[in-house]
């Protein structure tokens, strides 16, 4: 299967709705280039986002110290 999918195709693969995929891309900073999304980047970003604690500032000591 191709690695660069349309939001509709990616929605089918992930079990999400098309609008959800687009919203997640915007939220995670995953680019939609020429109407296509890199599936590997999307899945990795989604997995990382779901694994992160709600308060990201305290989970990254370097960021917390710089504040």
N, C-alpha and C. Protein backbone atom coordinates (compact mmCIF):
# COMPACT_ATOMS: atom_id res chain seq x y z
N UNK A 1 0.84 -1.19 0.00
CA UNK A 1 0.00 0.00 0.00
C UNK A 1 0.88 1.25 0.00
N UNK A 2 0.39 2.31 -0.58
CA UNK A 2 1.13 3.57 -0.69
C UNK A 2 1.36 4.19 0.69
N UNK A 3 2.41 4.99 0.78
CA UNK A 3 2.74 5.64 2.04
C UNK A 3 2.09 7.02 2.16
N UNK A 4 1.78 7.66 1.03
CA UNK A 4 1.15 8.97 1.05
C UNK A 4 -0.31 8.80 0.63
N UNK A 5 -1.20 9.06 1.57
CA UNK A 5 -2.62 8.81 1.36
C UNK A 5 -3.42 10.10 1.47
N UNK A 6 -4.57 10.12 0.83
CA UNK A 6 -5.49 11.25 1.01
C UNK A 6 -6.08 11.14 2.42
N UNK A 7 -6.60 12.23 2.97
CA UNK A 7 -7.24 12.14 4.28
C UNK A 7 -8.37 11.10 4.33
N UNK A 8 -9.10 10.95 3.23
CA UNK A 8 -10.16 9.94 3.18
C UNK A 8 -9.60 8.53 3.26
N UNK A 9 -8.52 8.27 2.51
CA UNK A 9 -7.89 6.95 2.54
C UNK A 9 -7.30 6.66 3.92
N UNK A 10 -6.67 7.68 4.51
CA UNK A 10 -6.09 7.52 5.83
C UNK A 10 -7.18 7.29 6.88
N UNK A 11 -8.31 7.93 6.70
CA UNK A 11 -9.44 7.72 7.60
C UNK A 11 -9.91 6.27 7.54
N UNK A 12 -9.96 5.71 6.35
CA UNK A 12 -10.35 4.30 6.19
C UNK A 12 -9.36 3.37 6.88
N UNK A 13 -8.07 3.66 6.76
CA UNK A 13 -7.03 2.82 7.35
C UNK A 13 -7.06 2.88 8.87
N UNK A 14 -7.30 4.07 9.42
CA UNK A 14 -7.23 4.27 10.87
C UNK A 14 -8.56 4.08 11.58
N UNK A 15 -9.65 4.03 10.83
CA UNK A 15 -10.96 3.92 11.46
C UNK A 15 -11.48 5.24 11.99
N UNK A 16 -10.88 6.33 11.53
CA UNK A 16 -11.31 7.67 11.94
C UNK A 16 -12.18 8.26 10.83
N UNK A 17 -12.74 9.41 11.10
CA UNK A 17 -13.46 10.15 10.07
C UNK A 17 -12.48 11.09 9.38
N UNK A 18 -12.79 11.45 8.14
CA UNK A 18 -11.91 12.31 7.35
C UNK A 18 -11.60 13.62 8.09
N UNK A 19 -12.61 14.23 8.65
CA UNK A 19 -12.41 15.50 9.36
C UNK A 19 -11.52 15.32 10.58
N UNK A 20 -11.64 14.16 11.23
CA UNK A 20 -10.78 13.85 12.38
C UNK A 20 -9.32 13.77 11.96
N UNK A 21 -9.08 13.12 10.82
CA UNK A 21 -7.71 13.00 10.31
C UNK A 21 -7.14 14.38 10.04
N UNK A 22 -7.89 15.24 9.39
CA UNK A 22 -7.42 16.58 9.08
C UNK A 22 -7.17 17.37 10.36
N UNK A 23 -8.08 17.27 11.32
CA UNK A 23 -7.90 17.97 12.59
C UNK A 23 -6.66 17.48 13.34
N UNK A 24 -6.44 16.17 13.35
CA UNK A 24 -5.26 15.60 14.00
C UNK A 24 -3.98 16.07 13.31
N UNK A 25 -4.01 16.12 11.98
CA UNK A 25 -2.83 16.61 11.24
C UNK A 25 -2.50 18.04 11.66
N UNK A 26 -3.51 18.86 11.74
CA UNK A 26 -3.29 20.25 12.14
C UNK A 26 -2.78 20.33 13.58
N UNK A 27 -3.37 19.55 14.45
CA UNK A 27 -3.00 19.54 15.87
C UNK A 27 -1.57 19.03 16.07
N UNK A 28 -1.17 18.03 15.31
CA UNK A 28 0.14 17.41 15.49
C UNK A 28 1.21 18.02 14.59
N UNK A 29 0.81 18.90 13.68
CA UNK A 29 1.77 19.51 12.78
C UNK A 29 2.21 18.61 11.65
N UNK A 30 1.38 17.64 11.32
CA UNK A 30 1.69 16.74 10.20
C UNK A 30 1.18 17.41 8.93
N UNK A 31 2.09 17.66 7.97
CA UNK A 31 1.66 18.38 6.76
C UNK A 31 0.75 17.56 5.86
N UNK A 32 -0.16 18.27 5.22
CA UNK A 32 -0.97 17.70 4.15
C UNK A 32 -0.45 18.39 2.89
N UNK A 33 0.34 17.67 2.11
CA UNK A 33 1.00 18.24 0.94
C UNK A 33 0.34 17.72 -0.32
N UNK A 34 -0.15 18.64 -1.12
CA UNK A 34 -0.85 18.31 -2.35
C UNK A 34 -1.97 17.29 -2.11
N UNK A 35 -2.68 17.47 -0.99
CA UNK A 35 -3.83 16.63 -0.69
C UNK A 35 -3.50 15.26 -0.15
N UNK A 36 -2.24 15.04 0.23
CA UNK A 36 -1.83 13.72 0.73
C UNK A 36 -1.08 13.86 2.04
N UNK A 37 -1.18 12.82 2.87
CA UNK A 37 -0.55 12.77 4.19
C UNK A 37 0.39 11.58 4.23
N UNK A 38 1.56 11.79 4.82
CA UNK A 38 2.51 10.68 5.00
C UNK A 38 1.95 9.79 6.11
N UNK A 39 1.56 8.59 5.74
CA UNK A 39 0.94 7.66 6.69
C UNK A 39 1.86 7.32 7.85
N UNK A 40 3.13 7.09 7.57
CA UNK A 40 4.08 6.73 8.62
C UNK A 40 4.24 7.86 9.62
N UNK A 41 4.39 9.09 9.13
CA UNK A 41 4.53 10.25 10.01
C UNK A 41 3.26 10.46 10.82
N UNK A 42 2.11 10.31 10.19
CA UNK A 42 0.83 10.48 10.89
C UNK A 42 0.68 9.46 12.02
N UNK A 43 0.96 8.20 11.70
CA UNK A 43 0.79 7.14 12.71
C UNK A 43 1.78 7.31 13.86
N UNK A 44 3.04 7.67 13.55
CA UNK A 44 4.04 7.87 14.59
C UNK A 44 3.67 9.07 15.47
N UNK A 45 3.20 10.14 14.86
CA UNK A 45 2.80 11.33 15.61
C UNK A 45 1.59 11.05 16.48
N UNK A 46 0.65 10.30 15.95
CA UNK A 46 -0.56 9.94 16.70
C UNK A 46 -0.19 9.08 17.91
N UNK A 47 0.67 8.11 17.68
CA UNK A 47 1.11 7.23 18.77
C UNK A 47 1.84 8.02 19.86
N UNK A 48 2.71 8.93 19.44
CA UNK A 48 3.45 9.76 20.40
C UNK A 48 2.50 10.67 21.16
N UNK A 49 1.54 11.26 20.45
CA UNK A 49 0.59 12.16 21.09
C UNK A 49 -0.26 11.42 22.13
N UNK A 50 -0.65 10.21 21.83
CA UNK A 50 -1.47 9.44 22.76
C UNK A 50 -0.67 8.97 23.96
N UNK A 51 0.64 8.83 23.80
CA UNK A 51 1.49 8.39 24.90
C UNK A 51 1.96 9.51 25.79
N UNK A 52 1.80 10.74 25.35
CA UNK A 52 2.26 11.90 26.13
C UNK A 52 1.31 12.20 27.28
N UNK A 53 1.84 12.61 28.42
CA UNK A 53 0.98 13.07 29.52
C UNK A 53 0.23 14.33 29.11
N UNK A 54 -0.86 14.61 29.78
CA UNK A 54 -1.67 15.78 29.45
C UNK A 54 -0.87 17.07 29.59
N UNK A 55 -0.02 17.16 30.61
CA UNK A 55 0.77 18.36 30.85
C UNK A 55 2.19 18.13 30.32
N UNK A 56 2.42 18.51 29.06
CA UNK A 56 3.70 18.24 28.42
C UNK A 56 4.84 19.04 29.02
N UNK A 57 4.58 20.19 29.59
CA UNK A 57 5.62 21.05 30.12
C UNK A 57 6.42 20.33 31.20
N UNK A 58 5.76 19.61 32.09
CA UNK A 58 6.44 18.94 33.18
C UNK A 58 7.10 17.63 32.76
N UNK A 59 6.77 17.11 31.60
CA UNK A 59 7.38 15.87 31.14
C UNK A 59 8.70 16.12 30.42
N UNK A 60 9.01 17.39 30.14
CA UNK A 60 10.26 17.76 29.47
C UNK A 60 11.04 18.72 30.36
N UNK A 61 11.98 18.23 31.18
CA UNK A 61 12.70 19.07 32.13
C UNK A 61 13.42 20.25 31.49
N UNK A 62 13.97 20.08 30.29
CA UNK A 62 14.68 21.19 29.65
C UNK A 62 13.74 22.35 29.37
N UNK A 63 12.53 22.05 28.96
CA UNK A 63 11.55 23.10 28.67
C UNK A 63 11.10 23.75 29.97
N UNK A 64 10.86 22.95 30.99
CA UNK A 64 10.40 23.48 32.27
C UNK A 64 11.45 24.41 32.87
N UNK A 65 12.75 24.05 32.75
CA UNK A 65 13.81 24.89 33.30
C UNK A 65 13.95 26.18 32.55
N UNK A 66 13.69 26.17 31.25
CA UNK A 66 13.85 27.37 30.43
C UNK A 66 12.72 28.37 30.67
N UNK A 67 11.62 27.93 31.19
CA UNK A 67 10.46 28.81 31.38
C UNK A 67 10.63 29.78 32.52
